[in-house]
Amino acid sequence: MEMNKFVVFSIGNAEYAFPIRWVVSIEKAEKINTIPQLPQSIMGIVKVRETLIPVLDFESILYHKRIEVSDTTKLIVIQTDQEAMKASIAVNEAKEILEISSEQINQVSLIVNIQTPYISGIANLGSRLITIIDPLKLLTSLEDMKQIEEYIQEYV
């Protein structure tokens, strides 16, 4: 039985997870610099360890409504590979690091995959269902990321 570690977080009442191998750090959601004319799913830019990183509003990506930033709001910094630009994902709460076996993860249907290609599976943990997010597919599926990458390269 293959076990994998995931960073579990919440958006609204639902739980989601990133494979831990893509997670660089979990930061407090503070000092987000807003930039005019950005798409709704991008909250702005934050500086983490001397690197400027775009902040994606995951609630906006999923539900088309802005996340309400509070004391529990966290930024999960992800990086898909060595060359790729990092991004931080604003979530309501980073809950835990959890080991999930591959047998507990169910594949999603084709319809879900077309609408949300970044959902790679659903972990069925008895009373909990956790949606697994593929960070690479998330970042490559967002048209807005191209715009923010160009902004950072041109103006920063």
C-alpha atoms as a PDB file:
ATOM      1  CA  MET A   1       0.000   0.000   0.000  1.00  0.00           C
ATOM      2  CA  GLU A   2       1.580   3.266  -1.171  1.00  0.00           C
ATOM      3  CA  MET A   3       1.213   6.152   1.309  1.00  0.00           C
ATOM      4  CA  ASN A   4       1.533   9.788   0.256  1.00  0.00           C
ATOM      5  CA  LYS A   5       1.591  12.939   2.389  1.00  0.00           C
ATOM      6  CA  PHE A   6      -0.746  15.840   1.698  1.00  0.00           C
ATOM      7  CA  VAL A   7      -1.235  19.339   3.099  1.00  0.00           C
ATOM      8  CA  VAL A   8      -4.951  19.550   3.911  1.00  0.00           C
ATOM      9  CA  PHE A   9      -6.702  22.926   3.837  1.00  0.00           C
ATOM     10  CA  SER A  10     -10.232  24.284   3.805  1.00  0.00           C
ATOM     11  CA  ILE A  11     -12.215  26.558   1.541  1.00  0.00           C
ATOM     12  CA  GLY A  12     -15.693  27.176   2.914  1.00  0.00           C
ATOM     13  CA  ASN A  13     -16.919  23.894   4.384  1.00  0.00           C
ATOM     14  CA  ALA A  14     -14.939  21.693   1.989  1.00  0.00           C
ATOM     15  CA  GLU A  15     -11.504  20.151   2.460  1.00  0.00           C
ATOM     16  CA  TYR A  16      -8.814  20.087  -0.218  1.00  0.00           C
ATOM     17  CA  ALA A  17      -5.208  18.898  -0.332  1.00  0.00           C
ATOM     18  CA  PHE A  18      -1.957  19.432  -2.207  1.00  0.00           C
ATOM     19  CA  PRO A  19       0.662  16.667  -2.415  1.00  0.00           C
ATOM     20  CA  ILE A  20       3.312  17.784   0.068  1.00  0.00           C
ATOM     21  CA  ARG A  21       6.125  17.434  -2.464  1.00  0.00           C
ATOM     22  CA  TRP A  22       4.847  20.601  -4.217  1.00  0.00           C
ATOM     23  CA  VAL A  23       4.487  22.662  -1.015  1.00  0.00           C
ATOM     24  CA  VAL A  24       7.392  25.005  -0.238  1.00  0.00           C
ATOM     25  CA  SER A  25       5.930  26.654   2.874  1.00  0.00           C
ATOM     26  CA  ILE A  26       2.789  27.802   4.650  1.00  0.00           C
ATOM     27  CA  GLU A  27       2.712  31.518   5.445  1.00  0.00           C
ATOM     28  CA  LYS A  28       0.418  33.959   7.230  1.00  0.00           C
ATOM     29  CA  ALA A  29      -1.758  35.969   4.860  1.00  0.00           C
ATOM     30  CA  GLU A  30      -0.311  39.378   5.553  1.00  0.00           C
ATOM     31  CA  LYS A  31       1.174  42.202   3.515  1.00  0.00           C
ATOM     32  CA  ILE A  32      -0.443  41.188   0.227  1.00  0.00           C
ATOM     33  CA  ASN A  33       0.308  43.970  -2.251  1.00  0.00           C
ATOM     34  CA  THR A  34      -2.675  44.528  -4.492  1.00  0.00           C
ATOM     35  CA  ILE A  35      -2.111  45.480  -8.101  1.00  0.00           C
ATOM     36  CA  PRO A  36      -4.786  47.292 -10.138  1.00  0.00           C
ATOM     37  CA  GLN A  37      -6.459  45.567 -13.073  1.00  0.00           C
ATOM     38  CA  LEU A  38      -5.573  42.015 -12.045  1.00  0.00           C
ATOM     39  CA  PRO A  39      -8.116  39.261 -12.664  1.00  0.00           C
ATOM     40  CA  GLN A  40     -10.389  38.416  -9.705  1.00  0.00           C
ATOM     41  CA  SER A  41      -8.599  35.136  -8.981  1.00  0.00           C
ATOM     42  CA  ILE A  42      -5.307  36.952  -8.268  1.00  0.00           C
ATOM     43  CA  MET A  43      -5.244  38.871  -4.986  1.00  0.00           C
ATOM     44  CA  GLY A  44      -1.857  40.483  -5.586  1.00  0.00           C
ATOM     45  CA  ILE A  45       1.788  39.774  -4.859  1.00  0.00           C
ATOM     46  CA  VAL A  46       3.533  38.850  -1.621  1.00  0.00           C
ATOM     47  CA  LYS A  47       7.231  38.767  -0.769  1.00  0.00           C
ATOM     48  CA  VAL A  48       8.380  35.434   0.687  1.00  0.00           C
ATOM     49  CA  ARG A  49      12.075  35.003   1.439  1.00  0.00           C
ATOM     50  CA  GLU A  50      13.025  37.868  -0.901  1.00  0.00           C
ATOM     51  CA  THR A  51      11.012  36.394  -3.795  1.00  0.00           C
ATOM     52  CA  LEU A  52       7.882  38.016  -5.220  1.00  0.00           C
ATOM     53  CA  ILE A  53       5.101  35.462  -5.515  1.00  0.00           C
ATOM     54  CA  PRO A  54       1.568  35.908  -6.895  1.00  0.00           C
ATOM     55  CA  VAL A  55      -1.286  35.221  -4.472  1.00  0.00           C
ATOM     56  CA  LEU A  56      -4.126  33.196  -5.987  1.00  0.00           C
ATOM     57  CA  ASP A  57      -7.556  33.326  -4.366  1.00  0.00           C
ATOM     58  CA  PHE A  58      -8.545  29.662  -4.371  1.00  0.00           C
ATOM     59  CA  GLU A  59     -12.104  30.438  -3.274  1.00  0.00           C
ATOM     60  CA  SER A  60     -12.453  32.726  -6.293  1.00  0.00           C
ATOM     61  CA  ILE A  61     -11.062  30.037  -8.614  1.00  0.00           C
ATOM     62  CA  LEU A  62     -13.512  27.432  -7.288  1.00  0.00           C
ATOM     63  CA  TYR A  63     -16.611  29.420  -6.403  1.00  0.00           C
ATOM     64  CA  HIS A  64     -16.165  32.823  -8.112  1.00  0.00           C
ATOM     65  CA  LYS A  65     -16.303  34.720  -4.812  1.00  0.00           C
ATOM     66  CA  ARG A  66     -13.517  36.466  -2.906  1.00  0.00           C
ATOM     67  CA  ILE A  67     -11.990  34.788   0.134  1.00  0.00           C
ATOM     68  CA  GLU A  68     -12.560  36.648   3.403  1.00  0.00           C
ATOM     69  CA  VAL A  69      -9.113  37.135   4.900  1.00  0.00           C
ATOM     70  CA  SER A  70      -9.044  36.437   8.656  1.00  0.00           C
ATOM     71  CA  ASP A  71      -6.564  35.363  11.328  1.00  0.00           C
ATOM     72  CA  THR A  72      -6.786  31.744  10.136  1.00  0.00           C
ATOM     73  CA  THR A  73      -6.216  32.551   6.448  1.00  0.00           C
ATOM     74  CA  LYS A  74      -2.964  31.031   5.191  1.00  0.00           C
ATOM     75  CA  LEU A  75      -0.916  31.196   2.018  1.00  0.00           C
ATOM     76  CA  ILE A  76       0.279  27.813   0.811  1.00  0.00           C
ATOM     77  CA  VAL A  77       3.359  28.437  -1.333  1.00  0.00           C
ATOM     78  CA  ILE A  78       3.692  25.870  -4.107  1.00  0.00           C
ATOM     79  CA  GLN A  79       6.289  25.283  -6.793  1.00  0.00           C
ATOM     80  CA  THR A  80       5.725  22.784  -9.564  1.00  0.00           C
ATOM     81  CA  ASP A  81       9.374  22.262 -10.525  1.00  0.00           C
ATOM     82  CA  GLN A  82      12.764  23.949 -10.234  1.00  0.00           C
ATOM     83  CA  GLU A  83      12.231  26.292 -13.192  1.00  0.00           C
ATOM     84  CA  ALA A  84       8.583  27.139 -12.611  1.00  0.00           C
ATOM     85  CA  MET A  85       7.425  30.284 -10.940  1.00  0.00           C
ATOM     86  CA  LYS A  86       6.158  29.818  -7.412  1.00  0.00           C
ATOM     87  CA  ALA A  87       2.622  30.766  -6.489  1.00  0.00           C
ATOM     88  CA  SER A  88       0.866  31.122  -3.169  1.00  0.00           C
ATOM     89  CA  ILE A  89      -2.668  29.913  -2.716  1.00  0.00           C
ATOM     90  CA  ALA A  90      -4.889  31.778  -0.227  1.00  0.00           C
ATOM     91  CA  VAL A  91      -6.981  29.311   1.798  1.00  0.00           C
ATOM     92  CA  ASN A  92      -9.319  29.690   4.779  1.00  0.00           C
ATOM     93  CA  GLU A  93      -7.202  27.432   6.964  1.00  0.00           C
ATOM     94  CA  ALA A  94      -4.246  25.076   6.583  1.00  0.00           C
ATOM     95  CA  LYS A  95      -5.429  22.185   8.730  1.00  0.00           C
ATOM     96  CA  GLU A  96      -2.899  19.355   8.823  1.00  0.00           C
ATOM     97  CA  ILE A  97      -0.407  17.152   7.061  1.00  0.00           C
ATOM     98  CA  LEU A  98      -2.037  13.812   6.413  1.00  0.00           C
ATOM     99  CA  GLU A  99      -0.876  10.473   5.043  1.00  0.00           C
ATOM    100  CA  ILE A 100      -3.337   9.019   2.563  1.00  0.00           C
ATOM    101  CA  SER A 101      -2.964   5.654   0.858  1.00  0.00           C
ATOM    102  CA  SER A 102      -3.385   5.414  -2.905  1.00  0.00           C
ATOM    103  CA  GLU A 103      -6.265   2.959  -2.286  1.00  0.00           C
ATOM    104  CA  GLN A 104      -8.210   5.710  -0.492  1.00  0.00           C
ATOM    105  CA  ILE A 105      -8.057   8.050  -3.498  1.00  0.00           C
ATOM    106  CA  ASN A 106     -10.793   7.702  -6.099  1.00  0.00           C
ATOM    107  CA  GLN A 107     -10.378   9.071  -9.610  1.00  0.00           C
ATOM    108  CA  VAL A 108     -12.774  11.791 -10.723  1.00  0.00           C
ATOM    109  CA  SER A 109     -15.237  11.439 -13.567  1.00  0.00           C
ATOM    110  CA  LEU A 110     -14.529  12.769 -17.042  1.00  0.00           C
ATOM    111  CA  ILE A 111     -17.098  15.569 -16.603  1.00  0.00           C
ATOM    112  CA  VAL A 112     -15.347  16.871 -13.472  1.00  0.00           C
ATOM    113  CA  ASN A 113     -11.995  16.555 -15.229  1.00  0.00           C
ATOM    114  CA  ILE A 114     -13.100  18.731 -18.162  1.00  0.00           C
ATOM    115  CA  GLN A 115     -14.533  21.474 -15.928  1.00  0.00           C
ATOM    116  CA  THR A 116     -11.747  21.367 -13.328  1.00  0.00           C
ATOM    117  CA  PRO A 117      -8.687  19.619 -14.764  1.00  0.00           C
ATOM    118  CA  TYR A 118      -6.660  20.362 -11.616  1.00  0.00           C
ATOM    119  CA  ILE A 119      -8.755  17.981  -9.467  1.00  0.00           C
ATOM    120  CA  SER A 120      -6.818  14.720  -9.532  1.00  0.00           C
ATOM    121  CA  GLY A 121      -8.936  12.665  -7.156  1.00  0.00           C
ATOM    122  CA  ILE A 122     -11.120  12.454  -4.056  1.00  0.00           C
ATOM    123  CA  ALA A 123      -9.725  10.908  -0.863  1.00  0.00           C
ATOM    124  CA  ASN A 124     -12.426   8.909   0.915  1.00  0.00           C
ATOM    125  CA  LEU A 125     -11.499   8.809   4.604  1.00  0.00           C
ATOM    126  CA  GLY A 126     -14.748   7.490   6.058  1.00  0.00           C
ATOM    127  CA  SER A 127     -16.512  10.591   7.384  1.00  0.00           C
ATOM    128  CA  ARG A 128     -14.222  12.930   5.392  1.00  0.00           C
ATOM    129  CA  LEU A 129     -13.951  13.566   1.678  1.00  0.00           C
ATOM    130  CA  ILE A 130     -10.850  15.509   0.647  1.00  0.00           C
ATOM    131  CA  THR A 131     -10.447  16.795  -2.912  1.00  0.00           C
ATOM    132  CA  ILE A 132      -6.874  16.323  -4.156  1.00  0.00           C
ATOM    133  CA  ILE A 133      -5.514  19.215  -6.251  1.00  0.00           C
ATOM    134  CA  ASP A 134      -2.706  18.850  -8.788  1.00  0.00           C
ATOM    135  CA  PRO A 135      -0.706  22.109  -8.475  1.00  0.00           C
ATOM    136  CA  LEU A 136       0.877  21.844 -11.933  1.00  0.00           C
ATOM    137  CA  LYS A 137      -2.509  21.472 -13.630  1.00  0.00           C
ATOM    138  CA  LEU A 138      -3.921  24.236 -11.437  1.00  0.00           C
ATOM    139  CA  LEU A 139      -1.265  26.746 -12.471  1.00  0.00           C
ATOM    140  CA  THR A 140      -1.260  25.768 -16.150  1.00  0.00           C
ATOM    141  CA  SER A 141      -5.071  25.851 -16.391  1.00  0.00           C
ATOM    142  CA  LEU A 142      -5.327  29.443 -15.179  1.00  0.00           C
ATOM    143  CA  GLU A 143      -5.146  32.006 -17.956  1.00  0.00           C
ATOM    144  CA  ASP A 144      -4.512  34.635 -15.274  1.00  0.00           C
ATOM    145  CA  MET A 145      -1.105  33.121 -14.419  1.00  0.00           C
ATOM    146  CA  LYS A 146       0.335  34.148 -17.782  1.00  0.00           C
ATOM    147  CA  GLN A 147      -0.698  37.743 -17.102  1.00  0.00           C
ATOM    148  CA  ILE A 148       0.852  37.829 -13.619  1.00  0.00           C
ATOM    149  CA  GLU A 149       4.087  36.175 -14.824  1.00  0.00           C
ATOM    150  CA  GLU A 150       4.411  38.859 -17.494  1.00  0.00           C
ATOM    151  CA  TYR A 151       3.741  41.582 -14.934  1.00  0.00           C
ATOM    152  CA  ILE A 152       6.405  40.317 -12.520  1.00  0.00           C
ATOM    153  CA  GLN A 153       8.991  39.979 -15.294  1.00  0.00           C
ATOM    154  CA  GLU A 154       8.236  43.395 -16.778  1.00  0.00           C
ATOM    155  CA  TYR A 155       7.730  45.610 -13.731  1.00  0.00           C
ATOM    156  CA  VAL A 156       9.601  44.010 -10.872  1.00  0.00           C
END
